[in-house]
């Protein structure tokens, strides 16, 4: 994971993603423990920096957070690779995986993921793999919504402190 992202305490994408994960993880772990949600009890998540924040940055450098649930040595498949592939597709095209596959199949190229479970919430891509596709999407959306909520909180705190512009830079 690269260092070209915003590196400002008030706007730190990695710190915000880590805090969001701590807030939504109990819900996700409870879901993953339900065999009707995740048959094997494994899950992988990838959070990407919004395209606008990292223009010209590679996919690898734009990964803000990766998180795995369950013993990776016991996984029956590489769920992190699936999550990364879903994230890559959504991040590259600026939309949800379901939307892309349903309405823009002409954008899919050889090697692209055909799996559902990544969302793009106002430019913030979160991908989850390991549960049923609809739960992958739900967990990804919950994570993206929490990151966005924390961004609102952080910007409100800056405004409350009298700031008129976002501090720092890339």
N, C-alpha and C. Protein backbone atom coordinates (compact mmCIF):
# COMPACT_ATOMS: atom_id res chain seq x y z
N UNK A 1 0.84 -1.17 0.00
CA UNK A 1 0.00 0.00 0.00
C UNK A 1 0.89 1.23 0.00
N UNK A 2 0.58 2.15 -0.88
CA UNK A 2 1.44 3.29 -1.10
C UNK A 2 1.27 4.41 -0.12
N UNK A 3 2.05 5.44 -0.32
CA UNK A 3 2.07 6.58 0.58
C UNK A 3 1.60 7.86 -0.10
N UNK A 4 1.01 7.78 -1.28
CA UNK A 4 0.62 8.98 -2.00
C UNK A 4 -0.78 9.45 -1.64
N UNK A 5 -1.37 8.90 -0.62
CA UNK A 5 -2.70 9.30 -0.20
C UNK A 5 -2.61 10.49 0.74
N UNK A 6 -3.75 11.10 0.99
CA UNK A 6 -3.79 12.23 1.92
C UNK A 6 -3.19 11.80 3.25
N UNK A 7 -2.22 12.53 3.73
CA UNK A 7 -1.55 12.19 4.98
C UNK A 7 -1.72 13.35 5.95
N UNK A 8 -2.93 13.55 6.41
CA UNK A 8 -3.26 14.62 7.32
C UNK A 8 -4.14 14.04 8.41
N UNK A 9 -3.85 14.29 9.68
CA UNK A 9 -4.62 13.67 10.76
C UNK A 9 -6.13 13.87 10.63
N UNK A 10 -6.56 15.03 10.13
CA UNK A 10 -7.98 15.28 9.99
C UNK A 10 -8.60 14.61 8.77
N UNK A 11 -7.78 14.19 7.83
CA UNK A 11 -8.28 13.62 6.58
C UNK A 11 -7.59 12.30 6.25
N UNK A 12 -7.06 11.61 7.20
CA UNK A 12 -6.30 10.38 6.98
C UNK A 12 -7.23 9.24 6.59
N UNK A 13 -7.17 8.84 5.34
CA UNK A 13 -8.06 7.80 4.82
C UNK A 13 -7.84 6.45 5.51
N UNK A 14 -6.58 6.11 5.75
CA UNK A 14 -6.30 4.82 6.39
C UNK A 14 -6.84 4.78 7.82
N UNK A 15 -6.63 5.85 8.56
CA UNK A 15 -7.12 5.90 9.94
C UNK A 15 -8.64 5.87 9.95
N UNK A 16 -9.26 6.57 9.04
CA UNK A 16 -10.72 6.59 8.97
C UNK A 16 -11.25 5.21 8.61
N UNK A 17 -10.62 4.53 7.67
CA UNK A 17 -11.05 3.18 7.29
C UNK A 17 -10.87 2.21 8.45
N UNK A 18 -9.78 2.34 9.19
CA UNK A 18 -9.56 1.46 10.34
C UNK A 18 -10.61 1.70 11.41
N UNK A 19 -10.96 2.96 11.65
CA UNK A 19 -12.01 3.26 12.63
C UNK A 19 -13.36 2.73 12.15
N UNK A 20 -13.65 2.90 10.88
CA UNK A 20 -14.91 2.39 10.33
C UNK A 20 -14.98 0.87 10.49
N UNK A 21 -13.88 0.20 10.22
CA UNK A 21 -13.85 -1.26 10.37
C UNK A 21 -14.14 -1.65 11.81
N UNK A 22 -13.53 -0.96 12.77
CA UNK A 22 -13.77 -1.27 14.18
C UNK A 22 -15.25 -1.11 14.53
N UNK A 23 -15.90 -0.15 13.90
CA UNK A 23 -17.31 0.11 14.19
C UNK A 23 -18.25 -0.91 13.54
N UNK A 24 -17.94 -1.37 12.33
CA UNK A 24 -18.84 -2.30 11.64
C UNK A 24 -18.45 -3.77 11.82
N UNK A 25 -17.24 -4.02 12.29
CA UNK A 25 -16.76 -5.39 12.40
C UNK A 25 -17.64 -6.29 13.27
N UNK A 26 -18.16 -5.84 14.41
CA UNK A 26 -19.03 -6.74 15.18
C UNK A 26 -20.23 -7.24 14.38
N UNK A 27 -20.84 -6.37 13.60
CA UNK A 27 -21.97 -6.78 12.77
C UNK A 27 -21.52 -7.79 11.71
N UNK A 28 -20.40 -7.51 11.07
CA UNK A 28 -19.92 -8.40 10.02
C UNK A 28 -19.53 -9.74 10.60
N UNK A 29 -18.81 -9.74 11.71
CA UNK A 29 -18.41 -11.02 12.32
C UNK A 29 -19.61 -11.84 12.74
N UNK A 30 -20.64 -11.19 13.26
CA UNK A 30 -21.86 -11.92 13.61
C UNK A 30 -22.47 -12.55 12.36
N UNK A 31 -22.52 -11.79 11.28
CA UNK A 31 -23.05 -12.33 10.03
C UNK A 31 -22.24 -13.48 9.49
N UNK A 32 -20.92 -13.33 9.51
CA UNK A 32 -20.04 -14.37 8.98
C UNK A 32 -20.17 -15.67 9.78
N UNK A 33 -20.54 -15.55 11.05
CA UNK A 33 -20.74 -16.73 11.88
C UNK A 33 -22.01 -17.50 11.56
N UNK A 34 -22.89 -16.92 10.76
CA UNK A 34 -24.15 -17.56 10.37
C UNK A 34 -23.91 -18.32 9.06
N UNK A 35 -24.09 -19.65 9.06
CA UNK A 35 -23.82 -20.42 7.85
C UNK A 35 -24.70 -20.04 6.66
N UNK A 36 -25.85 -19.40 6.90
CA UNK A 36 -26.67 -18.96 5.77
C UNK A 36 -26.14 -17.68 5.13
N UNK A 37 -25.26 -17.00 5.85
CA UNK A 37 -24.63 -15.78 5.34
C UNK A 37 -23.32 -16.12 4.66
N UNK A 38 -22.49 -16.86 5.36
CA UNK A 38 -21.16 -17.25 4.86
C UNK A 38 -20.96 -18.72 5.20
N UNK A 39 -21.12 -19.55 4.22
CA UNK A 39 -21.07 -20.99 4.45
C UNK A 39 -19.81 -21.48 5.14
N UNK A 40 -18.68 -20.87 4.87
CA UNK A 40 -17.42 -21.34 5.44
C UNK A 40 -16.96 -20.50 6.63
N UNK A 41 -17.56 -19.34 6.84
CA UNK A 41 -17.15 -18.47 7.94
C UNK A 41 -15.91 -17.65 7.66
N UNK A 42 -15.61 -17.43 6.40
CA UNK A 42 -14.44 -16.66 6.00
C UNK A 42 -14.91 -15.43 5.23
N UNK A 43 -14.09 -14.38 5.30
CA UNK A 43 -14.46 -13.17 4.59
C UNK A 43 -13.22 -12.31 4.38
N UNK A 44 -13.20 -11.59 3.27
CA UNK A 44 -12.13 -10.65 2.98
C UNK A 44 -12.74 -9.33 2.54
N UNK A 45 -12.09 -8.23 2.94
CA UNK A 45 -12.57 -6.88 2.60
C UNK A 45 -11.41 -6.04 2.10
N UNK A 46 -11.72 -5.21 1.10
CA UNK A 46 -10.75 -4.26 0.55
C UNK A 46 -11.43 -2.91 0.48
N UNK A 47 -10.74 -1.87 0.94
CA UNK A 47 -11.22 -0.49 0.86
C UNK A 47 -10.23 0.29 0.01
N UNK A 48 -10.77 1.03 -0.95
CA UNK A 48 -9.94 1.80 -1.88
C UNK A 48 -10.08 3.30 -1.59
N UNK A 49 -9.02 4.03 -1.83
CA UNK A 49 -9.10 5.48 -1.78
C UNK A 49 -9.94 5.95 -2.97
N UNK A 50 -10.76 6.96 -2.78
CA UNK A 50 -11.54 7.47 -3.92
C UNK A 50 -10.63 7.91 -5.05
N UNK A 51 -11.06 7.69 -6.28
CA UNK A 51 -10.27 8.05 -7.46
C UNK A 51 -9.80 9.50 -7.41
N UNK A 52 -10.68 10.39 -6.99
CA UNK A 52 -10.32 11.81 -6.99
C UNK A 52 -9.13 12.10 -6.08
N UNK A 53 -8.98 11.31 -5.03
CA UNK A 53 -7.89 11.54 -4.07
C UNK A 53 -6.56 10.98 -4.55
N UNK A 54 -6.60 10.13 -5.55
CA UNK A 54 -5.37 9.43 -5.93
C UNK A 54 -5.18 9.39 -7.45
N UNK A 55 -5.55 10.42 -8.14
CA UNK A 55 -5.41 10.42 -9.58
C UNK A 55 -3.97 10.11 -9.96
N UNK A 56 -3.84 9.21 -10.90
CA UNK A 56 -2.52 8.80 -11.34
C UNK A 56 -1.88 7.75 -10.46
N UNK A 57 -2.56 7.32 -9.42
CA UNK A 57 -2.03 6.31 -8.51
C UNK A 57 -2.44 4.92 -8.98
N UNK A 58 -1.57 3.97 -8.82
CA UNK A 58 -1.88 2.60 -9.20
C UNK A 58 -2.91 2.00 -8.25
N UNK A 59 -3.54 0.93 -8.70
CA UNK A 59 -4.49 0.22 -7.86
C UNK A 59 -3.83 -0.17 -6.54
N UNK A 60 -2.65 -0.75 -6.61
CA UNK A 60 -1.96 -1.21 -5.39
C UNK A 60 -1.75 -0.07 -4.40
N UNK A 61 -1.37 1.09 -4.91
CA UNK A 61 -1.12 2.23 -4.03
C UNK A 61 -2.40 2.85 -3.49
N UNK A 62 -3.53 2.56 -4.13
CA UNK A 62 -4.81 3.13 -3.70
C UNK A 62 -5.53 2.24 -2.69
N UNK A 63 -4.99 1.06 -2.40
CA UNK A 63 -5.61 0.21 -1.38
C UNK A 63 -5.38 0.86 -0.03
N UNK A 64 -6.46 1.16 0.66
CA UNK A 64 -6.39 1.83 1.95
C UNK A 64 -6.40 0.81 3.08
N UNK A 65 -7.16 -0.27 2.91
CA UNK A 65 -7.30 -1.26 3.97
C UNK A 65 -7.65 -2.61 3.37
N UNK A 66 -7.06 -3.64 3.91
CA UNK A 66 -7.45 -5.02 3.63
C UNK A 66 -7.67 -5.69 4.97
N UNK A 67 -8.73 -6.48 5.06
CA UNK A 67 -9.02 -7.17 6.32
C UNK A 67 -9.56 -8.54 6.00
N UNK A 68 -9.10 -9.52 6.75
CA UNK A 68 -9.56 -10.90 6.57
C UNK A 68 -10.19 -11.40 7.87
N UNK A 69 -11.25 -12.17 7.73
CA UNK A 69 -11.90 -12.83 8.86
C UNK A 69 -11.74 -14.33 8.65
N UNK A 70 -11.32 -15.02 9.68
CA UNK A 70 -11.11 -16.47 9.60
C UNK A 70 -9.66 -16.80 9.33
N UNK A 71 -9.30 -18.00 9.63
CA UNK A 71 -7.93 -18.49 9.44
C UNK A 71 -7.67 -18.64 7.95
N UNK A 72 -6.84 -17.76 7.39
CA UNK A 72 -6.59 -17.77 5.94
C UNK A 72 -5.99 -19.08 5.47
N UNK A 73 -5.26 -19.77 6.32
CA UNK A 73 -4.68 -21.05 5.90
C UNK A 73 -5.76 -22.12 5.73
N UNK A 74 -6.94 -21.89 6.30
CA UNK A 74 -8.04 -22.85 6.18
C UNK A 74 -9.04 -22.47 5.08
N UNK A 75 -8.85 -21.31 4.45
CA UNK A 75 -9.79 -20.88 3.42
C UNK A 75 -9.82 -21.89 2.29
N UNK A 76 -11.01 -22.14 1.77
CA UNK A 76 -11.18 -23.06 0.64
C UNK A 76 -10.94 -22.36 -0.70
N UNK A 77 -10.79 -21.05 -0.68
CA UNK A 77 -10.51 -20.25 -1.87
C UNK A 77 -9.80 -18.98 -1.40
N UNK A 78 -9.19 -18.27 -2.32
CA UNK A 78 -8.50 -17.03 -1.96
C UNK A 78 -9.49 -15.87 -2.01
N UNK A 79 -10.22 -15.69 -0.92
CA UNK A 79 -11.24 -14.65 -0.85
C UNK A 79 -10.64 -13.26 -0.96
N UNK A 80 -9.41 -13.07 -0.50
CA UNK A 80 -8.78 -11.76 -0.64
C UNK A 80 -8.53 -11.46 -2.12
N UNK A 81 -8.12 -12.45 -2.87
CA UNK A 81 -7.93 -12.23 -4.31
C UNK A 81 -9.25 -11.89 -4.98
N UNK A 82 -10.33 -12.56 -4.57
CA UNK A 82 -11.65 -12.25 -5.12
C UNK A 82 -12.05 -10.82 -4.75
N UNK A 83 -11.85 -10.44 -3.49
CA UNK A 83 -12.21 -9.09 -3.05
C UNK A 83 -11.40 -8.04 -3.80
N UNK A 84 -10.13 -8.30 -3.98
CA UNK A 84 -9.27 -7.36 -4.71
C UNK A 84 -9.71 -7.24 -6.17
N UNK A 85 -10.07 -8.35 -6.79
CA UNK A 85 -10.52 -8.32 -8.19
C UNK A 85 -11.83 -7.55 -8.33
N UNK A 86 -12.76 -7.74 -7.40
CA UNK A 86 -14.01 -6.99 -7.41
C UNK A 86 -13.73 -5.50 -7.23
N UNK A 87 -12.86 -5.17 -6.28
CA UNK A 87 -12.52 -3.77 -6.02
C UNK A 87 -11.86 -3.13 -7.23
N UNK A 88 -10.96 -3.86 -7.86
CA UNK A 88 -10.25 -3.32 -9.02
C UNK A 88 -11.23 -2.92 -10.13
N UNK A 89 -12.20 -3.77 -10.38
CA UNK A 89 -13.17 -3.51 -11.45
C UNK A 89 -14.01 -2.28 -11.12
N UNK A 90 -14.51 -2.20 -9.90
CA UNK A 90 -15.35 -1.06 -9.50
C UNK A 90 -14.55 0.23 -9.45
N UNK A 91 -13.34 0.15 -8.95
CA UNK A 91 -12.49 1.33 -8.84
C UNK A 91 -12.13 1.86 -10.23
N UNK A 92 -11.85 0.96 -11.14
CA UNK A 92 -11.48 1.37 -12.50
C UNK A 92 -12.65 2.01 -13.25
N UNK A 93 -13.87 1.53 -13.00
CA UNK A 93 -15.02 1.99 -13.78
C UNK A 93 -15.92 2.96 -13.03
N UNK A 94 -15.68 3.16 -11.73
CA UNK A 94 -16.43 4.15 -10.98
C UNK A 94 -17.88 3.80 -10.71
N UNK A 95 -18.17 2.51 -10.57
CA UNK A 95 -19.55 2.12 -10.26
C UNK A 95 -19.54 0.79 -9.51
N UNK A 96 -20.71 0.41 -9.02
CA UNK A 96 -20.86 -0.88 -8.33
C UNK A 96 -20.64 -2.03 -9.30
N UNK A 97 -20.20 -3.16 -8.75
CA UNK A 97 -20.02 -4.34 -9.58
C UNK A 97 -21.31 -4.82 -10.21
N UNK A 98 -22.39 -4.82 -9.45
CA UNK A 98 -23.68 -5.27 -9.99
C UNK A 98 -24.11 -4.37 -11.14
N UNK A 99 -23.96 -3.07 -10.98
CA UNK A 99 -24.34 -2.12 -12.03
C UNK A 99 -23.49 -2.33 -13.27
N UNK A 100 -22.19 -2.46 -13.06
CA UNK A 100 -21.29 -2.65 -14.20
C UNK A 100 -21.65 -3.92 -14.97
N UNK A 101 -21.81 -5.02 -14.27
CA UNK A 101 -22.07 -6.29 -14.95
C UNK A 101 -23.44 -6.31 -15.61
N UNK A 102 -24.43 -5.63 -15.02
CA UNK A 102 -25.78 -5.65 -15.57
C UNK A 102 -25.99 -4.64 -16.70
N UNK A 103 -25.37 -3.47 -16.59
CA UNK A 103 -25.69 -2.42 -17.55
C UNK A 103 -24.53 -2.01 -18.46
N UNK A 104 -23.32 -2.44 -18.11
CA UNK A 104 -22.17 -2.07 -18.92
C UNK A 104 -21.28 -3.29 -19.21
N UNK A 105 -21.88 -4.38 -19.67
CA UNK A 105 -21.08 -5.58 -19.90
C UNK A 105 -19.99 -5.38 -20.94
N UNK A 106 -20.15 -4.39 -21.80
CA UNK A 106 -19.16 -4.07 -22.81
C UNK A 106 -17.86 -3.54 -22.20
N UNK A 107 -17.90 -3.13 -20.92
CA UNK A 107 -16.70 -2.63 -20.24
C UNK A 107 -15.87 -3.74 -19.62
N UNK A 108 -16.43 -4.94 -19.52
CA UNK A 108 -15.71 -6.07 -18.93
C UNK A 108 -14.68 -6.57 -19.93
N UNK A 109 -13.46 -6.73 -19.45
CA UNK A 109 -12.37 -7.19 -20.30
C UNK A 109 -11.84 -8.52 -19.78
N UNK A 110 -11.09 -9.23 -20.59
CA UNK A 110 -10.56 -10.54 -20.15
C UNK A 110 -9.82 -10.41 -18.82
N UNK A 111 -10.14 -11.31 -17.91
CA UNK A 111 -9.52 -11.34 -16.59
C UNK A 111 -10.29 -10.59 -15.53
N UNK A 112 -11.30 -9.78 -15.93
CA UNK A 112 -12.09 -9.04 -14.95
C UNK A 112 -12.98 -9.99 -14.14
N UNK A 113 -13.23 -9.62 -12.90
CA UNK A 113 -14.10 -10.40 -12.02
C UNK A 113 -15.54 -10.33 -12.51
N UNK A 114 -16.23 -11.44 -12.43
CA UNK A 114 -17.65 -11.49 -12.73
C UNK A 114 -18.46 -11.70 -11.46
N UNK A 115 -17.83 -11.50 -10.31
CA UNK A 115 -18.47 -11.71 -9.02
C UNK A 115 -19.09 -10.43 -8.50
N UNK A 116 -20.21 -10.57 -7.82
CA UNK A 116 -20.91 -9.44 -7.21
C UNK A 116 -20.40 -9.30 -5.77
N UNK A 117 -20.33 -8.06 -5.28
CA UNK A 117 -19.95 -7.86 -3.89
C UNK A 117 -19.07 -6.67 -3.65
N UNK A 118 -19.02 -5.75 -4.60
CA UNK A 118 -18.27 -4.51 -4.40
C UNK A 118 -19.21 -3.34 -4.67
N UNK A 119 -19.07 -2.29 -3.87
CA UNK A 119 -19.89 -1.10 -4.04
C UNK A 119 -19.01 0.11 -4.28
N UNK A 120 -19.59 1.10 -4.91
CA UNK A 120 -18.95 2.39 -5.10
C UNK A 120 -19.92 3.42 -4.55
N UNK A 121 -19.66 3.89 -3.35
CA UNK A 121 -20.51 4.87 -2.69
C UNK A 121 -19.87 6.24 -2.83
N UNK A 122 -20.35 7.01 -3.76
CA UNK A 122 -19.84 8.36 -3.99
C UNK A 122 -18.32 8.37 -4.21
N UNK A 123 -17.83 7.39 -4.94
CA UNK A 123 -16.41 7.32 -5.25
C UNK A 123 -15.60 6.44 -4.32
N UNK A 124 -16.18 6.04 -3.21
CA UNK A 124 -15.48 5.18 -2.26
C UNK A 124 -15.82 3.72 -2.58
N UNK A 125 -14.84 2.95 -2.98
CA UNK A 125 -15.03 1.55 -3.34
C UNK A 125 -14.67 0.66 -2.17
N UNK A 126 -15.61 -0.21 -1.81
CA UNK A 126 -15.38 -1.23 -0.80
C UNK A 126 -15.84 -2.55 -1.40
N UNK A 127 -15.02 -3.55 -1.26
CA UNK A 127 -15.32 -4.87 -1.80
C UNK A 127 -15.23 -5.91 -0.70
N UNK A 128 -16.15 -6.85 -0.73
CA UNK A 128 -16.17 -7.94 0.25
C UNK A 128 -16.36 -9.25 -0.50
N UNK A 129 -15.70 -10.29 -0.03
CA UNK A 129 -15.87 -11.61 -0.63
C UNK A 129 -15.82 -12.67 0.46
N UNK A 130 -16.67 -13.65 0.33
CA UNK A 130 -16.68 -14.77 1.27
C UNK A 130 -18.08 -15.12 1.75
N UNK A 131 -19.01 -14.19 1.62
CA UNK A 131 -20.40 -14.45 2.00
C UNK A 131 -21.23 -14.62 0.73
N UNK A 132 -22.52 -14.83 0.91
CA UNK A 132 -23.41 -14.82 -0.25
C UNK A 132 -23.28 -13.44 -0.90
N UNK A 133 -23.41 -13.34 -2.22
CA UNK A 133 -23.17 -12.06 -2.90
C UNK A 133 -23.97 -10.89 -2.33
N UNK A 134 -25.22 -11.13 -1.97
CA UNK A 134 -26.04 -10.03 -1.44
C UNK A 134 -25.53 -9.59 -0.07
N UNK A 135 -24.95 -10.51 0.71
CA UNK A 135 -24.36 -10.12 1.99
C UNK A 135 -23.00 -9.46 1.77
N UNK A 136 -22.24 -9.93 0.79
CA UNK A 136 -21.00 -9.22 0.44
C UNK A 136 -21.31 -7.75 0.17
N UNK A 137 -22.34 -7.50 -0.64
CA UNK A 137 -22.72 -6.13 -0.95
C UNK A 137 -23.17 -5.37 0.29
N UNK A 138 -23.96 -6.02 1.13
CA UNK A 138 -24.46 -5.35 2.34
C UNK A 138 -23.31 -4.97 3.27
N UNK A 139 -22.36 -5.88 3.46
CA UNK A 139 -21.22 -5.58 4.32
C UNK A 139 -20.37 -4.47 3.72
N UNK A 140 -20.17 -4.51 2.40
CA UNK A 140 -19.38 -3.48 1.73
C UNK A 140 -20.07 -2.12 1.85
N UNK A 141 -21.38 -2.10 1.67
CA UNK A 141 -22.12 -0.85 1.77
C UNK A 141 -22.08 -0.30 3.19
N UNK A 142 -22.20 -1.18 4.19
CA UNK A 142 -22.12 -0.73 5.58
C UNK A 142 -20.75 -0.10 5.86
N UNK A 143 -19.71 -0.72 5.36
CA UNK A 143 -18.37 -0.19 5.57
C UNK A 143 -18.20 1.16 4.86
N UNK A 144 -18.64 1.24 3.62
CA UNK A 144 -18.52 2.49 2.87
C UNK A 144 -19.33 3.60 3.54
N UNK A 145 -20.54 3.27 4.00
CA UNK A 145 -21.37 4.27 4.67
C UNK A 145 -20.72 4.76 5.95
N UNK A 146 -20.07 3.88 6.68
CA UNK A 146 -19.40 4.28 7.92
C UNK A 146 -18.20 5.17 7.61
N UNK A 147 -17.43 4.83 6.59
CA UNK A 147 -16.30 5.70 6.21
C UNK A 147 -16.82 7.08 5.84
N UNK A 148 -17.91 7.13 5.08
CA UNK A 148 -18.48 8.42 4.69
C UNK A 148 -18.98 9.19 5.91
N UNK A 149 -19.62 8.49 6.85
CA UNK A 149 -20.11 9.15 8.07
C UNK A 149 -18.94 9.74 8.87
N UNK A 150 -17.85 8.99 8.96
CA UNK A 150 -16.69 9.49 9.68
C UNK A 150 -16.06 10.69 8.97
N UNK A 151 -16.12 10.69 7.64
CA UNK A 151 -15.63 11.85 6.90
C UNK A 151 -16.49 13.08 7.19
N UNK A 152 -17.82 12.88 7.25
CA UNK A 152 -18.70 13.99 7.63
C UNK A 152 -18.34 14.52 9.02
N UNK A 153 -18.12 13.59 9.95
CA UNK A 153 -17.75 13.98 11.32
C UNK A 153 -16.47 14.80 11.31
N UNK A 154 -15.46 14.32 10.57
CA UNK A 154 -14.16 14.99 10.55
C UNK A 154 -14.24 16.38 9.92
N UNK A 155 -15.00 16.49 8.84
CA UNK A 155 -15.15 17.80 8.20
C UNK A 155 -15.95 18.75 9.08
N UNK A 156 -16.95 18.24 9.78
CA UNK A 156 -17.73 19.08 10.71
C UNK A 156 -16.83 19.59 11.83
N UNK A 157 -15.92 18.75 12.32
CA UNK A 157 -15.00 19.17 13.37
C UNK A 157 -14.06 20.26 12.86
N UNK A 158 -13.59 20.13 11.62
CA UNK A 158 -12.74 21.17 11.05
C UNK A 158 -13.50 22.49 10.93
N UNK A 159 -14.73 22.43 10.44
CA UNK A 159 -15.55 23.64 10.31
C UNK A 159 -15.83 24.25 11.68
N UNK A 160 -16.12 23.40 12.66
CA UNK A 160 -16.39 23.86 14.03
C UNK A 160 -15.16 24.59 14.60
N UNK A 161 -13.99 24.13 14.19
CA UNK A 161 -12.75 24.74 14.66
C UNK A 161 -12.41 26.02 13.89
N UNK A 162 -13.25 26.36 12.92
CA UNK A 162 -13.04 27.60 12.18
C UNK A 162 -12.34 27.45 10.85
N UNK A 163 -12.05 26.24 10.43
CA UNK A 163 -11.38 26.04 9.15
C UNK A 163 -12.33 26.37 8.00
N UNK A 164 -11.78 26.96 6.96
CA UNK A 164 -12.56 27.26 5.77
C UNK A 164 -12.10 26.43 4.59
N UNK A 165 -10.98 25.75 4.75
CA UNK A 165 -10.47 24.85 3.72
C UNK A 165 -9.94 23.61 4.41
N UNK A 166 -9.86 22.53 3.67
CA UNK A 166 -9.28 21.30 4.20
C UNK A 166 -7.78 21.48 4.34
N UNK A 167 -7.23 21.13 5.48
CA UNK A 167 -5.79 21.33 5.70
C UNK A 167 -4.95 20.30 4.97
N UNK A 168 -3.68 20.63 4.80
CA UNK A 168 -2.71 19.68 4.24
C UNK A 168 -2.89 19.48 2.75
N UNK A 169 -2.39 18.36 2.30
CA UNK A 169 -2.47 18.01 0.88
C UNK A 169 -1.92 16.64 0.66
N UNK A 170 -1.79 16.28 -0.59
CA UNK A 170 -1.28 14.94 -0.92
C UNK A 170 0.20 14.89 -0.92
